PDB file of N, CA and C in Angstrom:
ATOM      1  N   MET A   1       0.844  -1.278  -0.269  1.00  0.00           N
ATOM      2  CA  MET A   1       0.165   0.074  -0.178  1.00  0.00           C
ATOM      3  C   MET A   1       0.781   1.442   0.138  1.00  0.00           C
ATOM      4  N   ARG A   2       0.413   2.224  -0.750  1.00  0.00           N
ATOM      5  CA  ARG A   2       1.350   3.506  -0.932  1.00  0.00           C
ATOM      6  C   ARG A   2       0.996   4.354   0.306  1.00  0.00           C
ATOM      7  N   ASP A   3       1.991   5.118   0.576  1.00  0.00           N
ATOM      8  CA  ASP A   3       1.722   5.865   1.869  1.00  0.00           C
ATOM      9  C   ASP A   3       0.839   7.193   0.810  1.00  0.00           C
ATOM     10  N   ARG A   4       0.251   8.047   2.028  1.00  0.00           N
ATOM     11  CA  ARG A   4      -0.774   8.861   1.478  1.00  0.00           C
ATOM     12  C   ARG A   4      -0.064  10.097   0.309  1.00  0.00           C
ATOM     13  N   GLU A   5       1.262  10.353   0.935  1.00  0.00           N
ATOM     14  CA  GLU A   5       1.724  11.520   0.208  1.00  0.00           C
ATOM     15  C   GLU A   5       2.405  10.879  -1.169  1.00  0.00           C
ATOM     16  N   GLU A   6       2.924   9.577  -1.363  1.00  0.00           N
ATOM     17  CA  GLU A   6       3.262   9.239  -2.407  1.00  0.00           C
ATOM     18  C   GLU A   6       2.057   9.263  -3.361  1.00  0.00           C
ATOM     19  N   LEU A   7       0.813   8.433  -3.000  1.00  0.00           N
ATOM     20  CA  LEU A   7      -0.228   8.570  -3.833  1.00  0.00           C
ATOM     21  C   LEU A   7      -0.921   9.917  -4.144  1.00  0.00           C
ATOM     22  N   ALA A   8      -0.749  10.906  -2.930  1.00  0.00           N
ATOM     23  CA  ALA A   8      -1.043  12.183  -3.703  1.00  0.00           C
ATOM     24  C   ALA A   8      -0.326  12.834  -4.728  1.00  0.00           C
ATOM     25  N   ARG A   9       0.811  12.722  -4.692  1.00  0.00           N
ATOM     26  CA  ARG A   9       1.790  13.274  -5.839  1.00  0.00           C
ATOM     27  C   ARG A   9       1.820  12.614  -7.187  1.00  0.00           C
ATOM     28  N   LEU A  10       1.237  10.888  -6.869  1.00  0.00           N
ATOM     29  CA  LEU A  10       0.896  10.374  -8.345  1.00  0.00           C
ATOM     30  C   LEU A  10      -0.718  10.870  -8.928  1.00  0.00           C
ATOM     31  N   LEU A  11      -1.361  10.819  -7.999  1.00  0.00           N
ATOM     32  CA  LEU A  11      -2.737  11.402  -8.467  1.00  0.00           C
ATOM     33  C   LEU A  11      -2.664  13.057  -8.711  1.00  0.00           C
ATOM     34  N   LEU A  12      -1.895  13.676  -8.386  1.00  0.00           N
ATOM     35  CA  LEU A  12      -1.573  14.863  -9.291  1.00  0.00           C
ATOM     36  C   LEU A  12      -0.762  14.978 -10.404  1.00  0.00           C
ATOM     37  N   ARG A  13       0.249  14.026 -10.568  1.00  0.00           N
ATOM     38  CA  ARG A  13       0.628  14.097 -11.835  1.00  0.00           C
ATOM     39  C   ARG A  13      -0.382  13.628 -12.948  1.00  0.00           C
ATOM     40  N   LYS A  14      -0.967  12.357 -12.343  1.00  0.00           N
ATOM     41  CA  LYS A  14      -2.039  11.660 -13.368  1.00  0.00           C
ATOM     42  C   LYS A  14      -3.040  12.815 -13.888  1.00  0.00           C
ATOM     43  N   GLY A  15      -3.481  13.625 -12.837  1.00  0.00           N
ATOM     44  CA  GLY A  15      -4.587  14.599 -13.026  1.00  0.00           C
ATOM     45  C   GLY A  15      -4.069  15.486 -13.887  1.00  0.00           C
ATOM     46  N   TYR A  16      -2.686  16.302 -13.826  1.00  0.00           N
ATOM     47  CA  TYR A  16      -1.956  16.934 -14.627  1.00  0.00           C
ATOM     48  C   TYR A  16      -2.074  16.645 -16.267  1.00  0.00           C
ATOM     49  N   GLU A  17      -1.670  15.221 -16.128  1.00  0.00           N
ATOM     50  CA  GLU A  17      -1.534  14.430 -17.515  1.00  0.00           C
ATOM     51  C   GLU A  17      -2.722  14.429 -18.438  1.00  0.00           C
ATOM     52  N   HIS A  18      -3.940  14.204 -17.415  1.00  0.00           N
ATOM     53  CA  HIS A  18      -5.156  14.250 -18.114  1.00  0.00           C
ATOM     54  C   HIS A  18      -6.109  15.948 -18.045  1.00  0.00           C
ATOM     55  N   ARG A  19      -5.445  16.871 -17.913  1.00  0.00           N
ATOM     56  CA  ARG A  19      -5.891  18.197 -17.560  1.00  0.00           C
ATOM     57  C   ARG A  19      -6.408  18.710 -18.683  1.00  0.00           C
ATOM     58  N   ALA A  20      -7.492  19.534 -18.517  1.00  0.00           N
ATOM     59  CA  ALA A  20      -8.290  20.207 -19.535  1.00  0.00           C
ATOM     60  C   ALA A  20      -7.955  21.566 -19.238  1.00  0.00           C
ATOM     61  N   GLN A  21      -8.124  22.371 -20.540  1.00  0.00           N
ATOM     62  CA  GLN A  21      -7.769  23.814 -20.588  1.00  0.00           C
ATOM     63  C   GLN A  21      -9.350  24.438 -20.403  1.00  0.00           C
ATOM     64  N   PHE A  22      -9.247  25.308 -19.621  1.00  0.00           N
ATOM     65  CA  PHE A  22     -10.543  26.329 -19.233  1.00  0.00           C
ATOM     66  C   PHE A  22     -10.226  27.433 -18.906  1.00  0.00           C
ATOM     67  N   ASN A  23     -10.904  28.632 -19.088  1.00  0.00           N
ATOM     68  CA  ASN A  23     -10.669  30.040 -18.540  1.00  0.00           C
ATOM     69  C   ASN A  23     -10.142  29.826 -17.230  1.00  0.00           C
ATOM     70  N   GLU A  24     -10.337  28.854 -16.539  1.00  0.00           N
ATOM     71  CA  GLU A  24      -9.881  29.039 -14.969  1.00  0.00           C
ATOM     72  C   GLU A  24      -8.335  28.453 -14.941  1.00  0.00           C
ATOM     73  N   GLY A  25      -7.801  28.144 -16.099  1.00  0.00           N
ATOM     74  CA  GLY A  25      -6.698  27.548 -16.331  1.00  0.00           C
ATOM     75  C   GLY A  25      -6.561  26.029 -16.592  1.00  0.00           C
ATOM     76  N   ASP A  26      -5.737  25.530 -15.950  1.00  0.00           N
ATOM     77  CA  ASP A  26      -5.566  24.269 -16.604  1.00  0.00           C
ATOM     78  C   ASP A  26      -6.232  23.125 -15.198  1.00  0.00           C
ATOM     79  N   VAL A  27      -7.439  22.646 -15.563  1.00  0.00           N
ATOM     80  CA  VAL A  27      -8.319  21.923 -14.972  1.00  0.00           C
ATOM     81  C   VAL A  27      -8.310  20.401 -14.632  1.00  0.00           C
ATOM     82  N   LEU A  28      -7.716  20.111 -13.206  1.00  0.00           N
ATOM     83  CA  LEU A  28      -7.859  18.759 -13.271  1.00  0.00           C
ATOM     84  C   LEU A  28      -8.982  17.792 -12.954  1.00  0.00           C
ATOM     85  N   PHE A  29      -9.384  16.842 -13.363  1.00  0.00           N
ATOM     86  CA  PHE A  29     -10.195  16.041 -13.033  1.00  0.00           C
ATOM     87  C   PHE A  29      -9.924  14.901 -12.034  1.00  0.00           C
ATOM     88  N   MET A  30     -10.243  14.974 -10.824  1.00  0.00           N
ATOM     89  CA  MET A  30      -9.199  14.092 -10.033  1.00  0.00           C
ATOM     90  C   MET A  30     -10.062  12.774  -9.900  1.00  0.00           C
ATOM     91  N   ARG A  31     -11.241  12.861 -10.292  1.00  0.00           N
ATOM     92  CA  ARG A  31     -12.240  11.783 -10.180  1.00  0.00           C
ATOM     93  C   ARG A  31     -12.420  11.010 -11.639  1.00  0.00           C
ATOM     94  N   ASP A  32     -11.777  11.440 -12.486  1.00  0.00           N
ATOM     95  CA  ASP A  32     -11.863  11.065 -13.865  1.00  0.00           C
ATOM     96  C   ASP A  32     -11.631   9.294 -14.016  1.00  0.00           C
ATOM     97  N   PRO A  33     -12.493   8.528 -14.303  1.00  0.00           N
ATOM     98  CA  PRO A  33     -12.056   7.001 -14.446  1.00  0.00           C
ATOM     99  C   PRO A  33     -10.996   6.575 -15.048  1.00  0.00           C
ATOM    100  N   THR A  34     -10.424   7.335 -15.964  1.00  0.00           N
ATOM    101  CA  THR A  34      -9.198   6.995 -16.300  1.00  0.00           C
ATOM    102  C   THR A  34      -7.911   7.273 -15.453  1.00  0.00           C
ATOM    103  N   VAL A  35      -8.140   8.735 -14.890  1.00  0.00           N
ATOM    104  CA  VAL A  35      -7.099   8.855 -13.856  1.00  0.00           C
ATOM    105  C   VAL A  35      -7.076   7.456 -12.871  1.00  0.00           C
ATOM    106  N   VAL A  36      -8.463   7.419 -12.493  1.00  0.00           N
ATOM    107  CA  VAL A  36      -8.634   6.183 -11.384  1.00  0.00           C
ATOM    108  C   VAL A  36      -7.984   5.342 -11.641  1.00  0.00           C
ATOM    109  N   ARG A  37      -8.298   4.711 -12.837  1.00  0.00           N
ATOM    110  CA  ARG A  37      -7.980   3.239 -13.324  1.00  0.00           C
ATOM    111  C   ARG A  37      -6.201   3.363 -13.588  1.00  0.00           C
ATOM    112  N   GLU A  38      -5.556   4.379 -14.071  1.00  0.00           N
ATOM    113  CA  GLU A  38      -4.207   4.353 -14.269  1.00  0.00           C
ATOM    114  C   GLU A  38      -3.606   4.510 -12.842  1.00  0.00           C
ATOM    115  N   LEU A  39      -4.353   4.617 -11.815  1.00  0.00           N
ATOM    116  CA  LEU A  39      -3.828   4.405 -10.338  1.00  0.00           C
ATOM    117  C   LEU A  39      -4.023   2.992  -9.770  1.00  0.00           C
ATOM    118  N   GLY A  40      -4.626   2.427 -10.238  1.00  0.00           N
ATOM    119  CA  GLY A  40      -5.032   1.175 -10.032  1.00  0.00           C
ATOM    120  C   GLY A  40      -6.215   1.051  -9.151  1.00  0.00           C
ATOM    121  N   PHE A  41      -6.908   1.994  -9.182  1.00  0.00           N
ATOM    122  CA  PHE A  41      -8.438   2.122  -8.268  1.00  0.00           C
ATOM    123  C   PHE A  41      -9.794   1.884  -8.902  1.00  0.00           C
ATOM    124  N   ASP A  42     -10.518   0.949  -8.627  1.00  0.00           N
ATOM    125  CA  ASP A  42     -11.762   0.825  -9.562  1.00  0.00           C
ATOM    126  C   ASP A  42     -12.815   2.277  -9.040  1.00  0.00           C
ATOM    127  N   ASN A  43     -12.751   2.697  -8.009  1.00  0.00           N
ATOM    128  CA  ASN A  43     -13.712   3.654  -7.637  1.00  0.00           C
ATOM    129  C   ASN A  43     -13.298   4.725  -7.207  1.00  0.00           C
ATOM    130  N   PRO A  44     -13.449   6.107  -7.612  1.00  0.00           N
ATOM    131  CA  PRO A  44     -12.984   7.324  -7.727  1.00  0.00           C
ATOM    132  C   PRO A  44     -12.890   7.891  -6.194  1.00  0.00           C
ATOM    133  N   ASP A  45     -14.006   7.166  -5.341  1.00  0.00           N
ATOM    134  CA  ASP A  45     -14.227   7.659  -3.901  1.00  0.00           C
ATOM    135  C   ASP A  45     -13.747   6.603  -2.933  1.00  0.00           C
ATOM    136  N   SER A  46     -12.671   5.793  -3.359  1.00  0.00           N
ATOM    137  CA  SER A  46     -11.921   4.949  -2.481  1.00  0.00           C
ATOM    138  C   SER A  46     -11.375   5.893  -1.496  1.00  0.00           C
ATOM    139  N   GLU A  47     -11.069   5.162  -0.379  1.00  0.00           N
ATOM    140  CA  GLU A  47     -10.903   6.255   1.017  1.00  0.00           C
ATOM    141  C   GLU A  47      -9.279   6.338   0.732  1.00  0.00           C
ATOM    142  N   ALA A  48      -8.423   5.531   0.000  1.00  0.00           N
ATOM    143  CA  ALA A  48      -7.136   6.007  -0.296  1.00  0.00           C
ATOM    144  C   ALA A  48      -7.023   7.373  -1.103  1.00  0.00           C
ATOM    145  N   LEU A  49      -7.887   7.267  -2.447  1.00  0.00           N
ATOM    146  CA  LEU A  49      -7.741   8.226  -3.176  1.00  0.00           C
ATOM    147  C   LEU A  49      -8.683   9.471  -2.629  1.00  0.00           C
ATOM    148  N   VAL A  50      -9.690   9.570  -1.855  1.00  0.00           N
ATOM    149  CA  VAL A  50     -10.160  10.759  -0.975  1.00  0.00           C
ATOM    150  C   VAL A  50      -8.817  11.128  -0.076  1.00  0.00           C
ATOM    151  N   ALA A  51      -8.443  10.370   0.806  1.00  0.00           N
ATOM    152  CA  ALA A  51      -7.263  10.927   1.542  1.00  0.00           C
ATOM    153  C   ALA A  51      -6.244  11.605   0.929  1.00  0.00           C
ATOM    154  N   ALA A  52      -5.876  11.126  -0.608  1.00  0.00           N
ATOM    155  CA  ALA A  52      -4.742  11.854  -1.083  1.00  0.00           C
ATOM    156  C   ALA A  52      -5.330  13.234  -1.611  1.00  0.00           C
ATOM    157  N   ARG A  53      -6.713  13.449  -2.431  1.00  0.00           N
ATOM    158  CA  ARG A  53      -7.294  14.549  -2.265  1.00  0.00           C
ATOM    159  C   ARG A  53      -7.214  15.603  -1.323  1.00  0.00           C
ATOM    160  N   HIS A  54      -7.657  14.930  -0.005  1.00  0.00           N
ATOM    161  CA  HIS A  54      -7.411  15.901   0.736  1.00  0.00           C
ATOM    162  C   HIS A  54      -5.906  16.347   1.292  1.00  0.00           C
ATOM    163  N   TYR A  55      -5.151  15.267   0.998  1.00  0.00           N
ATOM    164  CA  TYR A  55      -3.624  16.038   1.245  1.00  0.00           C
ATOM    165  C   TYR A  55      -3.304  16.858   0.559  1.00  0.00           C
ATOM    166  N   LEU A  56      -3.636  16.659  -0.828  1.00  0.00           N
ATOM    167  CA  LEU A  56      -3.511  17.731  -2.075  1.00  0.00           C
ATOM    168  C   LEU A  56      -4.236  19.142  -1.706  1.00  0.00           C
ATOM    169  N   GLU A  57      -5.098  19.181  -1.148  1.00  0.00           N
ATOM    170  CA  GLU A  57      -5.902  20.289  -0.569  1.00  0.00           C
ATOM    171  C   GLU A  57      -5.382  20.990   0.897  1.00  0.00           C
ATOM    172  N   ASP A  58      -5.053  19.950   1.737  1.00  0.00           N
ATOM    173  CA  ASP A  58      -4.680  20.618   2.987  1.00  0.00           C
ATOM    174  C   ASP A  58      -3.215  21.468   2.956  1.00  0.00           C
ATOM    175  N   HIS A  59      -2.719  21.099   1.712  1.00  0.00           N
ATOM    176  CA  HIS A  59      -1.267  21.526   1.794  1.00  0.00           C
ATOM    177  C   HIS A  59      -1.155  22.745   0.583  1.00  0.00           C
ATOM    178  N   ASP A  60      -2.214  22.856  -0.074  1.00  0.00           N
ATOM    179  CA  ASP A  60      -2.514  23.870  -0.981  1.00  0.00           C
ATOM    180  C   ASP A  60      -2.003  23.655  -2.264  1.00  0.00           C
ATOM    181  N   TYR A  61      -1.849  22.545  -2.592  1.00  0.00           N
ATOM    182  CA  TYR A  61      -1.072  22.028  -3.804  1.00  0.00           C
ATOM    183  C   TYR A  61      -2.486  22.200  -5.034  1.00  0.00           C
ATOM    184  N   ILE A  62      -3.586  22.147  -4.626  1.00  0.00           N
ATOM    185  CA  ILE A  62      -4.666  22.422  -5.428  1.00  0.00           C
ATOM    186  C   ILE A  62      -6.003  23.306  -4.738  1.00  0.00           C
ATOM    187  N   GLU A  63      -6.602  23.525  -5.630  1.00  0.00           N
ATOM    188  CA  GLU A  63      -7.851  24.523  -5.181  1.00  0.00           C
ATOM    189  C   GLU A  63      -8.831  24.052  -6.211  1.00  0.00           C
ATOM    190  N   ARG A  64     -10.123  23.923  -5.432  1.00  0.00           N
ATOM    191  CA  ARG A  64     -11.357  23.557  -6.073  1.00  0.00           C
ATOM    192  C   ARG A  64     -12.021  24.810  -7.185  1.00  0.00           C
ATOM    193  N   VAL A  65     -12.246  24.153  -7.908  1.00  0.00           N
ATOM    194  CA  VAL A  65     -12.932  25.211  -8.685  1.00  0.00           C
ATOM    195  C   VAL A  65     -14.072  24.603  -9.484  1.00  0.00           C
ATOM    196  N   ASP A  66     -15.313  25.301  -9.764  1.00  0.00           N
ATOM    197  CA  ASP A  66     -16.612  24.921 -10.087  1.00  0.00           C
ATOM    198  C   ASP A  66     -16.829  25.546 -11.563  1.00  0.00           C
ATOM    199  N   ILE A  67     -16.397  24.536 -12.405  1.00  0.00           N
ATOM    200  CA  ILE A  67     -16.607  25.013 -13.830  1.00  0.00           C
ATOM    201  C   ILE A  67     -18.269  24.271 -14.318  1.00  0.00           C
ATOM    202  N   GLY A  68     -19.051  23.851 -13.391  1.00  0.00           N
ATOM    203  CA  GLY A  68     -20.103  23.196 -13.842  1.00  0.00           C
ATOM    204  C   GLY A  68     -20.391  22.219 -14.750  1.00  0.00           C
ATOM    205  N   VAL A  69     -19.264  21.378 -14.603  1.00  0.00           N
ATOM    206  CA  VAL A  69     -19.426  20.366 -15.696  1.00  0.00           C
ATOM    207  C   VAL A  69     -19.326  18.870 -15.142  1.00  0.00           C
ATOM    208  N   ALA A  70     -18.548  18.871 -13.968  1.00  0.00           N
ATOM    209  CA  ALA A  70     -18.039  17.718 -13.082  1.00  0.00           C
ATOM    210  C   ALA A  70     -17.357  17.972 -11.859  1.00  0.00           C
ATOM    211  N   ALA A  71     -18.134  17.162 -10.529  1.00  0.00           N
ATOM    212  CA  ALA A  71     -17.718  17.305  -9.344  1.00  0.00           C
ATOM    213  C   ALA A  71     -16.349  16.811  -9.336  1.00  0.00           C
ATOM    214  N   GLY A  72     -15.583  17.426  -8.386  1.00  0.00           N
ATOM    215  CA  GLY A  72     -14.114  16.902  -7.927  1.00  0.00           C
ATOM    216  C   GLY A  72     -12.859  17.793  -9.208  1.00  0.00           C
ATOM    217  N   THR A  73     -13.534  18.946  -9.434  1.00  0.00           N
ATOM    218  CA  THR A  73     -12.429  19.424 -10.492  1.00  0.00           C
ATOM    219  C   THR A  73     -11.736  20.432  -9.904  1.00  0.00           C
ATOM    220  N   PHE A  74     -10.603  20.612 -10.106  1.00  0.00           N
ATOM    221  CA  PHE A  74      -9.447  21.559  -9.056  1.00  0.00           C
ATOM    222  C   PHE A  74      -8.208  22.241 -10.341  1.00  0.00           C
ATOM    223  N   VAL A  75      -7.827  23.024  -9.805  1.00  0.00           N
ATOM    224  CA  VAL A  75      -6.473  23.895 -10.871  1.00  0.00           C
ATOM    225  C   VAL A  75      -5.506  23.572  -9.707  1.00  0.00           C
ATOM    226  N   ILE A  76      -4.426  23.710 -10.145  1.00  0.00           N
ATOM    227  CA  ILE A  76      -2.885  23.112  -9.569  1.00  0.00           C
ATOM    228  C   ILE A  76      -2.806  24.516  -9.066  1.00  0.00           C
ATOM    229  N   THR A  77      -2.222  24.916  -7.860  1.00  0.00           N
ATOM    230  CA  THR A  77      -1.259  26.246  -7.432  1.00  0.00           C
ATOM    231  C   THR A  77       0.106  25.809  -8.002  1.00  0.00           C
ATOM    232  N   GLU A  78       0.596  27.365  -7.712  1.00  0.00           N
ATOM    233  CA  GLU A  78       2.156  27.234  -7.770  1.00  0.00           C
ATOM    234  C   GLU A  78       2.756  26.360  -7.044  1.00  0.00           C
ATOM    235  N   ALA A  79       2.408  26.081  -5.587  1.00  0.00           N
ATOM    236  CA  ALA A  79       3.121  25.367  -4.692  1.00  0.00           C
ATOM    237  C   ALA A  79       2.844  23.708  -5.287  1.00  0.00           C
ATOM    238  N   GLY A  80       1.834  23.620  -5.862  1.00  0.00           N
ATOM    239  CA  GLY A  80       1.346  22.165  -6.418  1.00  0.00           C
ATOM    240  C   GLY A  80       2.632  21.910  -7.515  1.00  0.00           C
ATOM    241  N   THR A  81       2.601  22.916  -8.570  1.00  0.00           N
ATOM    242  CA  THR A  81       3.370  22.514  -9.391  1.00  0.00           C
ATOM    243  C   THR A  81       5.209  22.313  -9.036  1.00  0.00           C
ATOM    244  N   THR A  82       5.333  23.165  -7.812  1.00  0.00           N
ATOM    245  CA  THR A  82       6.625  23.143  -7.541  1.00  0.00           C
ATOM    246  C   THR A  82       6.924  21.646  -6.806  1.00  0.00           C
ATOM    247  N   TRP A  83       5.997  21.287  -5.996  1.00  0.00           N
ATOM    248  CA  TRP A  83       5.911  19.890  -5.363  1.00  0.00           C
ATOM    249  C   TRP A  83       5.702  18.574  -6.314  1.00  0.00           C
ATOM    250  N   MET A  84       5.065  18.952  -7.503  1.00  0.00           N
ATOM    251  CA  MET A  84       4.803  17.814  -8.194  1.00  0.00           C
ATOM    252  C   MET A  84       6.328  17.412  -9.087  1.00  0.00           C
ATOM    253  N   GLY A  85       6.910  18.372  -9.091  1.00  0.00           N
ATOM    254  CA  GLY A  85       8.448  18.166  -9.661  1.00  0.00           C
ATOM    255  C   GLY A  85       8.458  18.352 -11.099  1.00  0.00           C
ATOM    256  N   ASN A  86       9.826  17.608 -11.552  1.00  0.00           N
ATOM    257  CA  ASN A  86       9.804  18.251 -13.159  1.00  0.00           C
ATOM    258  C   ASN A  86       8.841  17.375 -13.709  1.00  0.00           C
ATOM    259  N   PHE A  87       8.001  18.025 -14.396  1.00  0.00           N
ATOM    260  CA  PHE A  87       7.241  17.459 -15.251  1.00  0.00           C
ATOM    261  C   PHE A  87       6.873  18.391 -16.618  1.00  0.00           C
ATOM    262  N   PRO A  88       6.818  17.700 -17.911  1.00  0.00           N
ATOM    263  CA  PRO A  88       6.840  18.454 -19.056  1.00  0.00           C
ATOM    264  C   PRO A  88       5.537  19.197 -19.262  1.00  0.00           C
ATOM    265  N   LYS A  89       5.609  20.478 -19.273  1.00  0.00           N
ATOM    266  CA  LYS A  89       4.624  21.441 -19.575  1.00  0.00           C
ATOM    267  C   LYS A  89       4.086  21.557 -21.161  1.00  0.00           C
ATOM    268  N   THR A  90       3.177  20.770 -21.331  1.00  0.00           N
ATOM    269  CA  THR A  90       2.666  20.960 -22.861  1.00  0.00           C
ATOM    270  C   THR A  90       1.312  21.435 -22.850  1.00  0.00           C
TER     271      THR A  90
END
């Protein structure tokens, strides 16, 4: 079992890989089935994934954003980008 911090970093990276462009910036869909599957989970509301999302919010790495299309949408903060580490910006 991954620890919460490690899973949070992986979730942030996967969410970033599958991000969408909106006026609010790069929007991350942390509950997206593709993101969830790629992390090895079946349920986006599994205890481990919920804990990972809370970890990201508690450390101000992501902020909730309501774009009116889906629950669980976030934007990555500057602190989150730094914490995520080297990752290609596309």
